[in-house]
Amino acid sequence: MFFMPGIRVDSEDAFEIALKRFRKQVERAGVISECRRREAYEKPSIAKKRKEAAARKRLMKRLRRIHRREAREF
């Protein structure tokens, strides 16, 4: 579930600072990446391959961390 990014701007806040805060919230919410992902239709088979590749990448990252931790103990 996504929330709509928004900030409260006081009268004494500079525009640049308010814009920077807003951009940071948009980035954290993943709005830009979601828009890019939905820009064109993605076939289910392609989506499945992308998700499997991401899962493989996470697994390899986890294994590298474990391996590094074990190597450091000795």
N, C-alpha and C. Protein backbone atom coordinates (compact mmCIF):
# COMPACT_ATOMS: atom_id res chain seq x y z
N MET A 1 0.84 -1.17 0.00
CA MET A 1 0.00 0.00 0.00
C MET A 1 0.89 1.24 0.00
N PHE A 2 0.63 2.12 -0.91
CA PHE A 2 1.41 3.35 -1.02
C PHE A 2 0.65 4.49 -0.39
N PHE A 3 1.37 5.44 0.14
CA PHE A 3 0.75 6.65 0.65
C PHE A 3 1.17 7.80 -0.25
N MET A 4 0.36 8.82 -0.27
CA MET A 4 0.66 9.99 -1.09
C MET A 4 1.69 10.85 -0.36
N PRO A 5 2.84 11.05 -0.97
CA PRO A 5 3.84 11.90 -0.32
C PRO A 5 3.35 13.34 -0.24
N GLY A 6 3.59 13.95 0.87
CA GLY A 6 3.22 15.34 1.04
C GLY A 6 3.97 15.92 2.22
N ILE A 7 4.20 17.20 2.19
CA ILE A 7 4.90 17.86 3.28
C ILE A 7 4.11 19.10 3.69
N ARG A 8 4.33 19.53 4.91
CA ARG A 8 3.75 20.77 5.40
C ARG A 8 4.84 21.83 5.32
N VAL A 9 4.51 22.94 4.71
CA VAL A 9 5.48 24.01 4.52
C VAL A 9 5.08 25.20 5.38
N ASP A 10 5.99 25.61 6.24
CA ASP A 10 5.77 26.82 7.04
C ASP A 10 6.08 28.04 6.19
N SER A 11 5.61 29.19 6.63
CA SER A 11 5.82 30.41 5.86
C SER A 11 7.29 30.81 5.82
N GLU A 12 8.06 30.42 6.84
CA GLU A 12 9.47 30.79 6.87
C GLU A 12 10.38 29.78 6.17
N ASP A 13 9.85 28.63 5.74
CA ASP A 13 10.65 27.63 5.04
C ASP A 13 11.01 28.10 3.64
N ALA A 14 12.24 27.81 3.24
CA ALA A 14 12.68 28.14 1.89
C ALA A 14 12.09 27.12 0.91
N PHE A 15 11.81 27.56 -0.29
CA PHE A 15 11.21 26.68 -1.30
C PHE A 15 12.12 25.52 -1.63
N GLU A 16 13.43 25.77 -1.75
CA GLU A 16 14.38 24.72 -2.11
C GLU A 16 14.41 23.61 -1.07
N ILE A 17 14.35 24.01 0.19
CA ILE A 17 14.38 23.01 1.27
C ILE A 17 13.09 22.19 1.26
N ALA A 18 11.95 22.86 1.04
CA ALA A 18 10.67 22.14 0.98
C ALA A 18 10.65 21.18 -0.20
N LEU A 19 11.18 21.61 -1.34
CA LEU A 19 11.24 20.75 -2.52
C LEU A 19 12.13 19.54 -2.26
N LYS A 20 13.24 19.76 -1.59
CA LYS A 20 14.16 18.67 -1.27
C LYS A 20 13.49 17.65 -0.36
N ARG A 21 12.74 18.13 0.65
CA ARG A 21 12.02 17.23 1.55
C ARG A 21 10.96 16.43 0.79
N PHE A 22 10.26 17.11 -0.12
CA PHE A 22 9.23 16.42 -0.91
C PHE A 22 9.85 15.35 -1.79
N ARG A 23 10.94 15.68 -2.48
CA ARG A 23 11.61 14.70 -3.34
C ARG A 23 12.08 13.49 -2.55
N LYS A 24 12.56 13.72 -1.34
CA LYS A 24 13.02 12.63 -0.49
C LYS A 24 11.86 11.71 -0.13
N GLN A 25 10.70 12.30 0.18
CA GLN A 25 9.52 11.49 0.50
C GLN A 25 9.04 10.69 -0.71
N VAL A 26 9.08 11.32 -1.89
CA VAL A 26 8.67 10.64 -3.12
C VAL A 26 9.61 9.45 -3.38
N GLU A 27 10.89 9.65 -3.16
CA GLU A 27 11.86 8.57 -3.37
C GLU A 27 11.62 7.43 -2.39
N ARG A 28 11.39 7.75 -1.13
CA ARG A 28 11.14 6.71 -0.12
C ARG A 28 9.87 5.93 -0.41
N ALA A 29 8.85 6.61 -0.93
CA ALA A 29 7.58 5.95 -1.21
C ALA A 29 7.66 5.07 -2.46
N GLY A 30 8.67 5.29 -3.29
CA GLY A 30 8.84 4.48 -4.49
C GLY A 30 7.92 4.89 -5.62
N VAL A 31 7.49 6.12 -5.64
CA VAL A 31 6.54 6.60 -6.64
C VAL A 31 7.17 6.58 -8.03
N ILE A 32 8.39 7.07 -8.16
CA ILE A 32 9.05 7.16 -9.47
C ILE A 32 9.30 5.76 -10.03
N SER A 33 9.83 4.86 -9.20
CA SER A 33 10.12 3.51 -9.69
C SER A 33 8.82 2.79 -10.07
N GLU A 34 7.75 3.04 -9.32
CA GLU A 34 6.46 2.43 -9.65
C GLU A 34 5.93 2.95 -10.98
N CYS A 35 6.08 4.24 -11.23
CA CYS A 35 5.64 4.83 -12.50
C CYS A 35 6.43 4.24 -13.66
N ARG A 36 7.72 4.12 -13.49
CA ARG A 36 8.55 3.55 -14.56
C ARG A 36 8.17 2.10 -14.82
N ARG A 37 7.87 1.36 -13.74
CA ARG A 37 7.51 -0.05 -13.90
C ARG A 37 6.19 -0.20 -14.64
N ARG A 38 5.25 0.72 -14.42
CA ARG A 38 3.93 0.64 -15.04
C ARG A 38 3.84 1.38 -16.37
N GLU A 39 4.97 1.91 -16.83
CA GLU A 39 4.96 2.70 -18.06
C GLU A 39 4.50 1.88 -19.27
N ALA A 40 4.89 0.61 -19.32
CA ALA A 40 4.51 -0.25 -20.43
C ALA A 40 4.04 -1.58 -19.85
N TYR A 41 3.22 -2.28 -20.61
CA TYR A 41 2.71 -3.56 -20.16
C TYR A 41 3.84 -4.57 -20.07
N GLU A 42 3.85 -5.32 -18.99
CA GLU A 42 4.85 -6.36 -18.79
C GLU A 42 4.14 -7.71 -18.82
N LYS A 43 4.55 -8.55 -19.76
CA LYS A 43 3.92 -9.86 -19.86
C LYS A 43 4.17 -10.65 -18.58
N PRO A 44 3.22 -11.51 -18.20
CA PRO A 44 3.38 -12.28 -16.97
C PRO A 44 4.66 -13.12 -16.94
N SER A 45 5.06 -13.66 -18.09
CA SER A 45 6.28 -14.47 -18.11
C SER A 45 7.51 -13.61 -17.84
N ILE A 46 7.52 -12.40 -18.36
CA ILE A 46 8.64 -11.49 -18.12
C ILE A 46 8.65 -11.05 -16.66
N ALA A 47 7.47 -10.78 -16.10
CA ALA A 47 7.38 -10.38 -14.69
C ALA A 47 7.89 -11.51 -13.80
N LYS A 48 7.54 -12.75 -14.14
CA LYS A 48 7.99 -13.90 -13.37
C LYS A 48 9.51 -14.03 -13.43
N LYS A 49 10.08 -13.86 -14.62
CA LYS A 49 11.54 -13.93 -14.76
C LYS A 49 12.22 -12.83 -13.97
N ARG A 50 11.65 -11.61 -13.99
CA ARG A 50 12.23 -10.50 -13.25
C ARG A 50 12.20 -10.76 -11.75
N LYS A 51 11.09 -11.30 -11.27
CA LYS A 51 10.97 -11.59 -9.84
C LYS A 51 11.92 -12.71 -9.42
N GLU A 52 12.07 -13.74 -10.27
CA GLU A 52 13.00 -14.83 -9.96
C GLU A 52 14.43 -14.32 -9.94
N ALA A 53 14.78 -13.44 -10.87
CA ALA A 53 16.13 -12.88 -10.89
C ALA A 53 16.39 -12.05 -9.64
N ALA A 54 15.39 -11.29 -9.20
CA ALA A 54 15.54 -10.49 -7.98
C ALA A 54 15.71 -11.41 -6.77
N ALA A 55 14.97 -12.51 -6.74
CA ALA A 55 15.09 -13.46 -5.63
C ALA A 55 16.47 -14.10 -5.62
N ARG A 56 16.98 -14.46 -6.81
CA ARG A 56 18.33 -15.02 -6.91
C ARG A 56 19.36 -14.03 -6.40
N LYS A 57 19.20 -12.78 -6.80
CA LYS A 57 20.14 -11.73 -6.39
C LYS A 57 20.13 -11.56 -4.87
N ARG A 58 18.92 -11.56 -4.26
CA ARG A 58 18.84 -11.45 -2.80
C ARG A 58 19.50 -12.63 -2.12
N LEU A 59 19.27 -13.83 -2.66
CA LEU A 59 19.86 -15.04 -2.08
C LEU A 59 21.38 -14.99 -2.15
N MET A 60 21.93 -14.59 -3.29
CA MET A 60 23.38 -14.51 -3.43
C MET A 60 23.96 -13.47 -2.48
N LYS A 61 23.27 -12.37 -2.31
CA LYS A 61 23.72 -11.33 -1.39
C LYS A 61 23.75 -11.87 0.04
N ARG A 62 22.70 -12.60 0.40
CA ARG A 62 22.62 -13.19 1.74
C ARG A 62 23.74 -14.20 1.95
N LEU A 63 23.99 -15.04 0.94
CA LEU A 63 25.06 -16.03 1.05
C LEU A 63 26.44 -15.37 1.17
N ARG A 64 26.65 -14.29 0.41
CA ARG A 64 27.93 -13.58 0.51
C ARG A 64 28.14 -13.03 1.91
N ARG A 65 27.08 -12.48 2.49
CA ARG A 65 27.19 -11.94 3.85
C ARG A 65 27.53 -13.04 4.84
N ILE A 66 26.85 -14.18 4.73
CA ILE A 66 27.11 -15.30 5.63
C ILE A 66 28.54 -15.79 5.47
N HIS A 67 28.98 -15.91 4.22
CA HIS A 67 30.34 -16.39 3.96
C HIS A 67 31.37 -15.42 4.54
N ARG A 68 31.14 -14.12 4.36
CA ARG A 68 32.06 -13.12 4.92
C ARG A 68 32.09 -13.19 6.44
N ARG A 69 30.93 -13.39 7.04
CA ARG A 69 30.84 -13.47 8.50
C ARG A 69 31.59 -14.69 9.01
N GLU A 70 31.45 -15.83 8.32
CA GLU A 70 32.13 -17.04 8.73
C GLU A 70 33.64 -16.92 8.55
N ALA A 71 34.06 -16.28 7.50
CA ALA A 71 35.50 -16.10 7.25
C ALA A 71 36.12 -15.18 8.31
N ARG A 72 35.35 -14.23 8.79
CA ARG A 72 35.86 -13.29 9.78
C ARG A 72 36.00 -13.95 11.15
N GLU A 73 35.22 -14.99 11.44
CA GLU A 73 35.26 -15.64 12.76
C GLU A 73 36.53 -16.43 12.96
N PHE A 74 37.14 -16.90 11.89
CA PHE A 74 38.35 -17.74 12.04
C PHE A 74 39.59 -16.94 12.08
